[in-house]
Amino acid sequence: MNSSTIKLTNRMLRIKKNAEKEASSSQHNMLLPIHFLLACLKEKEGVLGEIVLKCTIDETSLRNLANEFDLKSDKPVTSHHLFNVPITKDVLTVLEQATSYMHNYNQVYLNEGHLLKALIRANMLEEFVSEEDMKLILKLGTTSRDLVTHLKNYNFPKVNSTNIRKVNRDDKNKLIQFVESHFSQEWSETINSAFLSTTPSVYVAFDGQGDLVGFAAFDVYQNKKCYFGPMGVAKSNRVKGIGYALLHHCLKDMHDIGYEYAIIGGAGPIEFYEKACHAVVIPATNI
């Protein structure tokens, strides 16, 4: 793992900062994995807010347990350029595993879902959190979630439309091959089904050389109306605003059709949609 290249979402930057504060107030002034969970519980929005509401974790009790663990811990201590306090080797394990999840999901920013999954799968919370709460954390905080954004009074931003256009039938084979190669067979089948319509509701993006680098669709997944997705941008072309532009081309069309809201289905990078279009996580009801 080349940790010098790790990018953190804004929420993860706050979590890191608050975890360091928790460590600084502890007896030995060293960062433990449990400090990450305490920092996550300070976040009251998105899936972390839902975890706070639905889990039985008490921050004060958790902090007391962490301090007791700190006092009796003989874990090896090291340093890392991401952190301003000493860390245990267990923190490195969590960071490495979280980064591995990020890569497995073909993402470029480390987010709270990767962190929570690593904390649980690396058995870092067993002494602090009940099995039931760990299951809830996995379900609420580490899986793709549906979001909703309201379109009726949406203030659409100006986006870069250079090299972005509605798909045409000549794009079909190239687009399906692109989606299958960069994402999944399931997504490629969904995009293929979009071409059953006379006017597929899909946008595509190209780079300066005319190569396909991204796509976004709506009303194509299982023919569900008001449903945005899938959307994908080639990994080498991310963090350039392409996904933001593709998203808003689709949302504008959905608004013009008359939809008052859009469901963003199975979103992995939740914070992206929260920031890009003020989307909010739809609360889980089957728990």
C-alpha atoms as a PDB file:
ATOM      1  CA  MET A   1       0.000   0.000   0.000  1.00  0.00           C
ATOM      2  CA  ASN A   2       1.395   3.390  -0.998  1.00  0.00           C
ATOM      3  CA  SER A   3      -0.175   5.350   1.838  1.00  0.00           C
ATOM      4  CA  SER A   4       1.246   8.649   0.589  1.00  0.00           C
ATOM      5  CA  THR A   5      -1.362   8.608  -2.198  1.00  0.00           C
ATOM      6  CA  ILE A   6      -4.399   8.051   0.043  1.00  0.00           C
ATOM      7  CA  LYS A   7      -7.118  10.636  -0.528  1.00  0.00           C
ATOM      8  CA  LEU A   8      -9.663  11.212   2.248  1.00  0.00           C
ATOM      9  CA  THR A   9     -13.191  12.527   1.817  1.00  0.00           C
ATOM     10  CA  ASN A  10     -14.027  15.679   3.758  1.00  0.00           C
ATOM     11  CA  ARG A  11     -15.950  13.587   6.273  1.00  0.00           C
ATOM     12  CA  MET A  12     -12.974  11.275   6.693  1.00  0.00           C
ATOM     13  CA  LEU A  13     -10.725  14.287   7.288  1.00  0.00           C
ATOM     14  CA  ARG A  14     -13.043  15.340  10.120  1.00  0.00           C
ATOM     15  CA  ILE A  15     -13.090  11.797  11.493  1.00  0.00           C
ATOM     16  CA  LYS A  16      -9.292  11.684  11.451  1.00  0.00           C
ATOM     17  CA  LYS A  17      -9.079  15.031  13.255  1.00  0.00           C
ATOM     18  CA  ASN A  18     -11.610  14.022  15.910  1.00  0.00           C
ATOM     19  CA  ALA A  19      -9.910  10.635  16.381  1.00  0.00           C
ATOM     20  CA  GLU A  20      -6.662  12.482  17.062  1.00  0.00           C
ATOM     21  CA  LYS A  21      -8.457  14.648  19.629  1.00  0.00           C
ATOM     22  CA  GLU A  22      -9.746  11.518  21.349  1.00  0.00           C
ATOM     23  CA  ALA A  23      -6.219  10.104  21.386  1.00  0.00           C
ATOM     24  CA  SER A  24      -4.732  13.339  22.714  1.00  0.00           C
ATOM     25  CA  SER A  25      -7.095  13.315  25.691  1.00  0.00           C
ATOM     26  CA  SER A  26      -6.276   9.701  26.557  1.00  0.00           C
ATOM     27  CA  GLN A  27      -3.786   8.607  29.189  1.00  0.00           C
ATOM     28  CA  HIS A  28      -1.035   7.548  26.784  1.00  0.00           C
ATOM     29  CA  ASN A  29      -1.721  10.056  24.001  1.00  0.00           C
ATOM     30  CA  MET A  30      -1.767   7.393  21.298  1.00  0.00           C
ATOM     31  CA  LEU A  31      -4.342   6.662  18.618  1.00  0.00           C
ATOM     32  CA  LEU A  32      -6.240   3.388  18.934  1.00  0.00           C
ATOM     33  CA  PRO A  33      -8.742   1.924  16.438  1.00  0.00           C
ATOM     34  CA  ILE A  34     -11.587   2.579  18.895  1.00  0.00           C
ATOM     35  CA  HIS A  35     -10.887   6.320  18.619  1.00  0.00           C
ATOM     36  CA  PHE A  36     -12.044   6.110  14.989  1.00  0.00           C
ATOM     37  CA  LEU A  37     -15.443   4.817  16.100  1.00  0.00           C
ATOM     38  CA  LEU A  38     -15.740   7.575  18.705  1.00  0.00           C
ATOM     39  CA  ALA A  39     -14.927  10.098  15.981  1.00  0.00           C
ATOM     40  CA  CYS A  40     -17.532   8.556  13.649  1.00  0.00           C
ATOM     41  CA  LEU A  41     -20.189   8.961  16.337  1.00  0.00           C
ATOM     42  CA  LYS A  42     -19.563  12.717  16.367  1.00  0.00           C
ATOM     43  CA  GLU A  43     -20.785  12.882  12.769  1.00  0.00           C
ATOM     44  CA  LYS A  44     -24.538  13.432  12.880  1.00  0.00           C
ATOM     45  CA  GLU A  45     -25.312  13.363   9.141  1.00  0.00           C
ATOM     46  CA  GLY A  46     -25.742  10.655   6.544  1.00  0.00           C
ATOM     47  CA  VAL A  47     -25.333   7.022   7.509  1.00  0.00           C
ATOM     48  CA  LEU A  48     -23.298   7.918  10.597  1.00  0.00           C
ATOM     49  CA  GLY A  49     -26.216   9.910  11.965  1.00  0.00           C
ATOM     50  CA  GLU A  50     -28.445   6.898  11.354  1.00  0.00           C
ATOM     51  CA  ILE A  51     -25.979   4.671  13.220  1.00  0.00           C
ATOM     52  CA  VAL A  52     -26.037   7.046  16.199  1.00  0.00           C
ATOM     53  CA  LEU A  53     -29.850   6.905  16.274  1.00  0.00           C
ATOM     54  CA  LYS A  54     -30.285   3.162  15.816  1.00  0.00           C
ATOM     55  CA  CYS A  55     -27.363   1.627  17.705  1.00  0.00           C
ATOM     56  CA  THR A  56     -27.238   1.317  21.486  1.00  0.00           C
ATOM     57  CA  ILE A  57     -23.693   2.672  21.748  1.00  0.00           C
ATOM     58  CA  ASP A  58     -23.171   5.264  24.473  1.00  0.00           C
ATOM     59  CA  GLU A  59     -20.244   7.589  23.761  1.00  0.00           C
ATOM     60  CA  THR A  60     -19.334   8.169  27.398  1.00  0.00           C
ATOM     61  CA  SER A  61     -19.296   4.453  28.218  1.00  0.00           C
ATOM     62  CA  LEU A  62     -17.356   3.741  25.043  1.00  0.00           C
ATOM     63  CA  ARG A  63     -14.801   6.419  25.918  1.00  0.00           C
ATOM     64  CA  ASN A  64     -14.386   4.978  29.411  1.00  0.00           C
ATOM     65  CA  LEU A  65     -13.818   1.522  27.950  1.00  0.00           C
ATOM     66  CA  ALA A  66     -11.293   2.976  25.522  1.00  0.00           C
ATOM     67  CA  ASN A  67      -9.414   4.636  28.387  1.00  0.00           C
ATOM     68  CA  GLU A  68      -9.355   1.393  30.368  1.00  0.00           C
ATOM     69  CA  PHE A  69      -8.050  -0.438  27.314  1.00  0.00           C
ATOM     70  CA  ASP A  70      -5.477   2.319  26.798  1.00  0.00           C
ATOM     71  CA  LEU A  71      -4.133   1.927  30.337  1.00  0.00           C
ATOM     72  CA  LYS A  72      -3.576  -1.825  30.033  1.00  0.00           C
ATOM     73  CA  SER A  73      -2.524  -1.845  26.382  1.00  0.00           C
ATOM     74  CA  ASP A  74       0.965  -2.879  25.420  1.00  0.00           C
ATOM     75  CA  LYS A  75       0.374  -2.588  21.678  1.00  0.00           C
ATOM     76  CA  PRO A  76       3.429  -1.554  19.622  1.00  0.00           C
ATOM     77  CA  VAL A  77       3.391   2.148  18.808  1.00  0.00           C
ATOM     78  CA  THR A  78       4.531   3.774  15.585  1.00  0.00           C
ATOM     79  CA  SER A  79       3.998   6.945  13.552  1.00  0.00           C
ATOM     80  CA  HIS A  80       2.385   7.716  10.210  1.00  0.00           C
ATOM     81  CA  HIS A  81       2.428  10.835   8.061  1.00  0.00           C
ATOM     82  CA  LEU A  82      -1.390  10.990   8.032  1.00  0.00           C
ATOM     83  CA  PHE A  83      -1.553  11.415  11.796  1.00  0.00           C
ATOM     84  CA  ASN A  84      -0.241  14.035  14.192  1.00  0.00           C
ATOM     85  CA  VAL A  85      -0.140  11.673  17.182  1.00  0.00           C
ATOM     86  CA  PRO A  86       1.527   8.289  17.751  1.00  0.00           C
ATOM     87  CA  ILE A  87      -0.551   5.345  16.544  1.00  0.00           C
ATOM     88  CA  THR A  88      -0.665   1.652  17.337  1.00  0.00           C
ATOM     89  CA  LYS A  89       0.165  -0.998  14.770  1.00  0.00           C
ATOM     90  CA  ASP A  90      -3.527  -1.920  14.874  1.00  0.00           C
ATOM     91  CA  VAL A  91      -4.340   1.487  13.370  1.00  0.00           C
ATOM     92  CA  LEU A  92      -2.005   0.683  10.472  1.00  0.00           C
ATOM     93  CA  THR A  93      -3.837  -2.619   9.995  1.00  0.00           C
ATOM     94  CA  VAL A  94      -7.174  -0.812   9.855  1.00  0.00           C
ATOM     95  CA  LEU A  95      -5.834   1.780   7.419  1.00  0.00           C
ATOM     96  CA  GLU A  96      -4.417  -0.883   5.118  1.00  0.00           C
ATOM     97  CA  GLN A  97      -7.619  -2.917   5.146  1.00  0.00           C
ATOM     98  CA  ALA A  98      -9.803   0.164   4.583  1.00  0.00           C
ATOM     99  CA  THR A  99      -7.616   1.162   1.633  1.00  0.00           C
ATOM    100  CA  SER A 100      -7.933  -2.352   0.232  1.00  0.00           C
ATOM    101  CA  TYR A 101     -11.739  -2.052   0.364  1.00  0.00           C
ATOM    102  CA  MET A 102     -11.503   1.299  -1.406  1.00  0.00           C
ATOM    103  CA  HIS A 103      -9.514  -0.273  -4.242  1.00  0.00           C
ATOM    104  CA  ASN A 104     -11.815  -3.313  -4.409  1.00  0.00           C
ATOM    105  CA  TYR A 105     -14.777  -0.963  -4.924  1.00  0.00           C
ATOM    106  CA  ASN A 106     -12.828   0.827  -7.661  1.00  0.00           C
ATOM    107  CA  GLN A 107     -12.997   4.097  -5.731  1.00  0.00           C
ATOM    108  CA  VAL A 108     -10.369   6.808  -5.259  1.00  0.00           C
ATOM    109  CA  TYR A 109     -11.354   8.405  -1.925  1.00  0.00           C
ATOM    110  CA  LEU A 110     -11.224   6.647   1.432  1.00  0.00           C
ATOM    111  CA  ASN A 111     -14.606   7.073   3.138  1.00  0.00           C
ATOM    112  CA  GLU A 112     -16.264   6.182   6.423  1.00  0.00           C
ATOM    113  CA  GLY A 113     -17.762   2.998   4.960  1.00  0.00           C
ATOM    114  CA  HIS A 114     -14.319   1.594   4.178  1.00  0.00           C
ATOM    115  CA  LEU A 115     -13.136   2.551   7.682  1.00  0.00           C
ATOM    116  CA  LEU A 116     -16.077   1.014   9.542  1.00  0.00           C
ATOM    117  CA  LYS A 117     -15.868  -2.208   7.561  1.00  0.00           C
ATOM    118  CA  ALA A 118     -12.147  -2.469   8.293  1.00  0.00           C
ATOM    119  CA  LEU A 119     -12.685  -1.834  12.019  1.00  0.00           C
ATOM    120  CA  ILE A 120     -15.202  -4.666  12.221  1.00  0.00           C
ATOM    121  CA  ARG A 121     -13.609  -7.170   9.836  1.00  0.00           C
ATOM    122  CA  ALA A 122     -10.210  -6.715  11.529  1.00  0.00           C
ATOM    123  CA  ASN A 123     -11.880  -7.484  14.898  1.00  0.00           C
ATOM    124  CA  MET A 124     -11.018  -4.099  16.404  1.00  0.00           C
ATOM    125  CA  LEU A 125     -14.409  -3.463  18.032  1.00  0.00           C
ATOM    126  CA  GLU A 126     -15.208  -6.791  19.671  1.00  0.00           C
ATOM    127  CA  GLU A 127     -14.196  -5.618  23.161  1.00  0.00           C
ATOM    128  CA  PHE A 128     -16.223  -2.413  22.903  1.00  0.00           C
ATOM    129  CA  VAL A 129     -19.386  -2.989  20.856  1.00  0.00           C
ATOM    130  CA  SER A 130     -22.051  -5.677  20.994  1.00  0.00           C
ATOM    131  CA  GLU A 131     -22.419  -8.155  18.153  1.00  0.00           C
ATOM    132  CA  GLU A 132     -25.863  -6.744  17.395  1.00  0.00           C
ATOM    133  CA  ASP A 133     -24.515  -3.197  17.071  1.00  0.00           C
ATOM    134  CA  MET A 134     -21.640  -4.386  14.877  1.00  0.00           C
ATOM    135  CA  LYS A 135     -24.174  -6.002  12.544  1.00  0.00           C
ATOM    136  CA  LEU A 136     -26.123  -2.733  12.453  1.00  0.00           C
ATOM    137  CA  ILE A 137     -22.980  -0.756  11.681  1.00  0.00           C
ATOM    138  CA  LEU A 138     -22.155  -3.106   8.816  1.00  0.00           C
ATOM    139  CA  LYS A 139     -25.669  -2.885   7.419  1.00  0.00           C
ATOM    140  CA  LEU A 140     -26.127   0.869   7.774  1.00  0.00           C
ATOM    141  CA  GLY A 141     -22.635   2.189   7.253  1.00  0.00           C
ATOM    142  CA  THR A 142     -20.740  -0.093   4.896  1.00  0.00           C
ATOM    143  CA  THR A 143     -23.178  -1.019   2.130  1.00  0.00           C
ATOM    144  CA  SER A 144     -24.510   0.886  -0.861  1.00  0.00           C
ATOM    145  CA  ARG A 145     -27.523   2.998   0.057  1.00  0.00           C
ATOM    146  CA  ASP A 146     -30.370   4.696  -1.770  1.00  0.00           C
ATOM    147  CA  LEU A 147     -30.564   8.473  -1.550  1.00  0.00           C
ATOM    148  CA  VAL A 148     -33.165  11.018  -2.588  1.00  0.00           C
ATOM    149  CA  THR A 149     -32.738  14.539  -3.929  1.00  0.00           C
ATOM    150  CA  HIS A 150     -35.605  16.987  -4.476  1.00  0.00           C
ATOM    151  CA  LEU A 151     -35.814  18.546  -7.928  1.00  0.00           C
ATOM    152  CA  LYS A 152     -38.850  20.813  -7.815  1.00  0.00           C
ATOM    153  CA  ASN A 153     -36.997  23.926  -6.662  1.00  0.00           C
ATOM    154  CA  TYR A 154     -33.511  22.675  -7.425  1.00  0.00           C
ATOM    155  CA  ASN A 155     -31.023  25.387  -8.309  1.00  0.00           C
ATOM    156  CA  PHE A 156     -29.062  23.792 -11.129  1.00  0.00           C
ATOM    157  CA  PRO A 157     -25.389  24.808 -11.248  1.00  0.00           C
ATOM    158  CA  LYS A 158     -23.488  25.665 -14.398  1.00  0.00           C
ATOM    159  CA  VAL A 159     -21.511  22.605 -15.398  1.00  0.00           C
ATOM    160  CA  ASN A 160     -18.882  21.978 -18.011  1.00  0.00           C
ATOM    161  CA  SER A 161     -20.736  20.424 -20.942  1.00  0.00           C
ATOM    162  CA  THR A 162     -17.694  20.137 -23.177  1.00  0.00           C
ATOM    163  CA  ASN A 163     -17.499  16.608 -24.581  1.00  0.00           C
ATOM    164  CA  ILE A 164     -20.726  15.527 -22.816  1.00  0.00           C
ATOM    165  CA  ARG A 165     -23.822  14.670 -24.829  1.00  0.00           C
ATOM    166  CA  LYS A 166     -26.860  12.440 -24.982  1.00  0.00           C
ATOM    167  CA  VAL A 167     -26.054   8.977 -26.226  1.00  0.00           C
ATOM    168  CA  ASN A 168     -26.926   7.945 -29.781  1.00  0.00           C
ATOM    169  CA  ARG A 169     -27.375   4.498 -31.250  1.00  0.00           C
ATOM    170  CA  ASP A 170     -23.929   4.501 -32.810  1.00  0.00           C
ATOM    171  CA  ASP A 171     -22.509   4.623 -29.280  1.00  0.00           C
ATOM    172  CA  LYS A 172     -24.203   1.418 -28.158  1.00  0.00           C
ATOM    173  CA  ASN A 173     -21.479  -1.201 -28.620  1.00  0.00           C
ATOM    174  CA  LYS A 174     -18.664   1.057 -27.477  1.00  0.00           C
ATOM    175  CA  LEU A 175     -20.604   2.128 -24.382  1.00  0.00           C
ATOM    176  CA  ILE A 176     -21.603  -1.402 -23.366  1.00  0.00           C
ATOM    177  CA  GLN A 177     -18.006  -2.578 -23.774  1.00  0.00           C
ATOM    178  CA  PHE A 178     -16.765   0.393 -21.712  1.00  0.00           C
ATOM    179  CA  VAL A 179     -19.215  -0.280 -18.880  1.00  0.00           C
ATOM    180  CA  GLU A 180     -18.446  -4.000 -18.753  1.00  0.00           C
ATOM    181  CA  SER A 181     -14.705  -3.399 -18.841  1.00  0.00           C
ATOM    182  CA  HIS A 182     -14.582  -0.638 -16.195  1.00  0.00           C
ATOM    183  CA  PHE A 183     -17.511  -1.596 -13.961  1.00  0.00           C
ATOM    184  CA  SER A 184     -19.637  -4.757 -14.127  1.00  0.00           C
ATOM    185  CA  GLN A 185     -21.615  -7.144 -16.280  1.00  0.00           C
ATOM    186  CA  GLU A 186     -24.769  -6.144 -14.392  1.00  0.00           C
ATOM    187  CA  TRP A 187     -24.313  -2.479 -15.270  1.00  0.00           C
ATOM    188  CA  SER A 188     -23.581  -3.286 -18.901  1.00  0.00           C
ATOM    189  CA  GLU A 189     -26.823  -5.281 -19.092  1.00  0.00           C
ATOM    190  CA  THR A 190     -28.699  -2.333 -17.604  1.00  0.00           C
ATOM    191  CA  ILE A 191     -27.210   0.047 -20.172  1.00  0.00           C
ATOM    192  CA  ASN A 192     -27.948  -2.428 -22.951  1.00  0.00           C
ATOM    193  CA  SER A 193     -31.617  -2.437 -21.884  1.00  0.00           C
ATOM    194  CA  ALA A 194     -31.670   1.376 -22.156  1.00  0.00           C
ATOM    195  CA  PHE A 195     -31.325   1.042 -25.921  1.00  0.00           C
ATOM    196  CA  LEU A 196     -34.709  -0.671 -26.094  1.00  0.00           C
ATOM    197  CA  SER A 197     -36.090   2.849 -25.865  1.00  0.00           C
ATOM    198  CA  THR A 198     -36.179   5.021 -28.974  1.00  0.00           C
ATOM    199  CA  THR A 199     -34.478   7.774 -26.969  1.00  0.00           C
ATOM    200  CA  PRO A 200     -32.182   6.192 -24.359  1.00  0.00           C
ATOM    201  CA  SER A 201     -31.893   8.376 -21.257  1.00  0.00           C
ATOM    202  CA  VAL A 202     -28.129   8.067 -21.070  1.00  0.00           C
ATOM    203  CA  TYR A 203     -25.388  10.681 -21.251  1.00  0.00           C
ATOM    204  CA  VAL A 204     -21.798   9.975 -22.237  1.00  0.00           C
ATOM    205  CA  ALA A 205     -18.557  11.878 -21.678  1.00  0.00           C
ATOM    206  CA  PHE A 206     -15.412  11.886 -23.805  1.00  0.00           C
ATOM    207  CA  ASP A 207     -11.880  13.118 -23.244  1.00  0.00           C
ATOM    208  CA  GLY A 208      -9.998  15.534 -25.501  1.00  0.00           C
ATOM    209  CA  GLN A 209      -8.979  12.672 -27.787  1.00  0.00           C
ATOM    210  CA  GLY A 210     -12.569  11.528 -28.239  1.00  0.00           C
ATOM    211  CA  ASP A 211     -12.259   8.447 -26.034  1.00  0.00           C
ATOM    212  CA  LEU A 212     -15.219   7.472 -23.888  1.00  0.00           C
ATOM    213  CA  VAL A 213     -14.478   8.175 -20.204  1.00  0.00           C
ATOM    214  CA  GLY A 214     -17.853   8.195 -18.454  1.00  0.00           C
ATOM    215  CA  PHE A 215     -21.603   7.728 -18.586  1.00  0.00           C
ATOM    216  CA  ALA A 216     -24.723   8.368 -16.523  1.00  0.00           C
ATOM    217  CA  ALA A 217     -28.289   7.162 -16.955  1.00  0.00           C
ATOM    218  CA  PHE A 218     -31.742   7.497 -15.457  1.00  0.00           C
ATOM    219  CA  ASP A 219     -35.040   5.598 -15.761  1.00  0.00           C
ATOM    220  CA  VAL A 220     -33.160   2.569 -17.098  1.00  0.00           C
ATOM    221  CA  TYR A 221     -32.649   0.317 -14.065  1.00  0.00           C
ATOM    222  CA  GLN A 222     -35.512  -2.210 -14.144  1.00  0.00           C
ATOM    223  CA  ASN A 223     -37.476   0.522 -15.938  1.00  0.00           C
ATOM    224  CA  LYS A 224     -37.945   2.380 -12.633  1.00  0.00           C
ATOM    225  CA  LYS A 225     -39.067   5.974 -13.037  1.00  0.00           C
ATOM    226  CA  CYS A 226     -37.478   8.816 -11.033  1.00  0.00           C
ATOM    227  CA  TYR A 227     -34.434   6.539 -10.622  1.00  0.00           C
ATOM    228  CA  PHE A 228     -30.941   7.875 -11.332  1.00  0.00           C
ATOM    229  CA  GLY A 229     -28.114   5.483 -12.100  1.00  0.00           C
ATOM    230  CA  PRO A 230     -25.953   3.777 -12.848  1.00  0.00           C
ATOM    231  CA  MET A 231     -23.187   6.325 -13.351  1.00  0.00           C
ATOM    232  CA  GLY A 232     -19.488   5.710 -13.776  1.00  0.00           C
ATOM    233  CA  VAL A 233     -16.305   7.505 -14.764  1.00  0.00           C
ATOM    234  CA  ALA A 234     -13.081   5.729 -15.711  1.00  0.00           C
ATOM    235  CA  LYS A 235     -10.775   5.705 -12.689  1.00  0.00           C
ATOM    236  CA  SER A 236      -8.044   7.639 -14.486  1.00  0.00           C
ATOM    237  CA  ASN A 237     -10.476  10.469 -15.220  1.00  0.00           C
ATOM    238  CA  ARG A 238     -12.027  10.961 -11.812  1.00  0.00           C
ATOM    239  CA  VAL A 239     -11.731  14.073  -9.624  1.00  0.00           C
ATOM    240  CA  LYS A 240     -12.112  16.213 -12.760  1.00  0.00           C
ATOM    241  CA  GLY A 241     -15.776  17.145 -12.398  1.00  0.00           C
ATOM    242  CA  ILE A 242     -16.962  14.707 -15.074  1.00  0.00           C
ATOM    243  CA  GLY A 243     -19.260  12.778 -12.730  1.00  0.00           C
ATOM    244  CA  TYR A 244     -20.671  16.037 -11.333  1.00  0.00           C
ATOM    245  CA  ALA A 245     -21.481  17.242 -14.863  1.00  0.00           C
ATOM    246  CA  LEU A 246     -22.991  13.913 -15.964  1.00  0.00           C
ATOM    247  CA  LEU A 247     -25.131  13.803 -12.825  1.00  0.00           C
ATOM    248  CA  HIS A 248     -26.555  17.264 -13.430  1.00  0.00           C
ATOM    249  CA  HIS A 249     -27.300  16.629 -17.097  1.00  0.00           C
ATOM    250  CA  CYS A 250     -29.459  13.708 -15.997  1.00  0.00           C
ATOM    251  CA  LEU A 251     -31.074  15.552 -13.093  1.00  0.00           C
ATOM    252  CA  LYS A 252     -31.938  18.475 -15.386  1.00  0.00           C
ATOM    253  CA  ASP A 253     -33.704  16.112 -17.803  1.00  0.00           C
ATOM    254  CA  MET A 254     -35.541  14.496 -14.901  1.00  0.00           C
ATOM    255  CA  HIS A 255     -36.624  17.931 -13.648  1.00  0.00           C
ATOM    256  CA  ASP A 256     -37.821  18.916 -17.125  1.00  0.00           C
ATOM    257  CA  ILE A 257     -39.853  15.710 -17.411  1.00  0.00           C
ATOM    258  CA  GLY A 258     -41.664  16.831 -14.269  1.00  0.00           C
ATOM    259  CA  TYR A 259     -40.143  14.627 -11.598  1.00  0.00           C
ATOM    260  CA  GLU A 260     -40.208  16.307  -8.188  1.00  0.00           C
ATOM    261  CA  TYR A 261     -37.470  14.081  -6.821  1.00  0.00           C
ATOM    262  CA  ALA A 262     -34.825  11.622  -7.972  1.00  0.00           C
ATOM    263  CA  ILE A 263     -33.880   8.391  -6.271  1.00  0.00           C
ATOM    264  CA  ILE A 264     -30.147   7.741  -6.480  1.00  0.00           C
ATOM    265  CA  GLY A 265     -29.955   3.993  -6.328  1.00  0.00           C
ATOM    266  CA  GLY A 266     -27.298   1.957  -4.545  1.00  0.00           C
ATOM    267  CA  ALA A 267     -24.815   4.782  -4.078  1.00  0.00           C
ATOM    268  CA  GLY A 268     -21.365   3.825  -2.834  1.00  0.00           C
ATOM    269  CA  PRO A 269     -19.672   7.251  -2.610  1.00  0.00           C
ATOM    270  CA  ILE A 270     -22.512   8.707  -0.537  1.00  0.00           C
ATOM    271  CA  GLU A 271     -20.721  11.925   0.374  1.00  0.00           C
ATOM    272  CA  PHE A 272     -20.283  12.773  -3.308  1.00  0.00           C
ATOM    273  CA  TYR A 273     -24.059  12.889  -3.817  1.00  0.00           C
ATOM    274  CA  GLU A 274     -24.669  14.655  -0.506  1.00  0.00           C
ATOM    275  CA  LYS A 275     -22.377  17.466  -1.646  1.00  0.00           C
ATOM    276  CA  ALA A 276     -23.127  17.419  -5.376  1.00  0.00           C
ATOM    277  CA  CYS A 277     -26.933  17.572  -5.281  1.00  0.00           C
ATOM    278  CA  HIS A 278     -27.960  17.807  -1.607  1.00  0.00           C
ATOM    279  CA  ALA A 279     -29.069  14.169  -1.603  1.00  0.00           C
ATOM    280  CA  VAL A 280     -30.005  12.551   1.696  1.00  0.00           C
ATOM    281  CA  VAL A 281     -29.845   8.907   2.667  1.00  0.00           C
ATOM    282  CA  ILE A 282     -33.197   7.150   2.716  1.00  0.00           C
ATOM    283  CA  PRO A 283     -33.474   5.621   6.228  1.00  0.00           C
ATOM    284  CA  ALA A 284     -33.355   1.845   6.422  1.00  0.00           C
ATOM    285  CA  THR A 285     -36.688   0.362   7.444  1.00  0.00           C
ATOM    286  CA  ASN A 286     -36.050  -3.401   7.388  1.00  0.00           C
ATOM    287  CA  ILE A 287     -33.954  -3.591  10.536  1.00  0.00           C
END
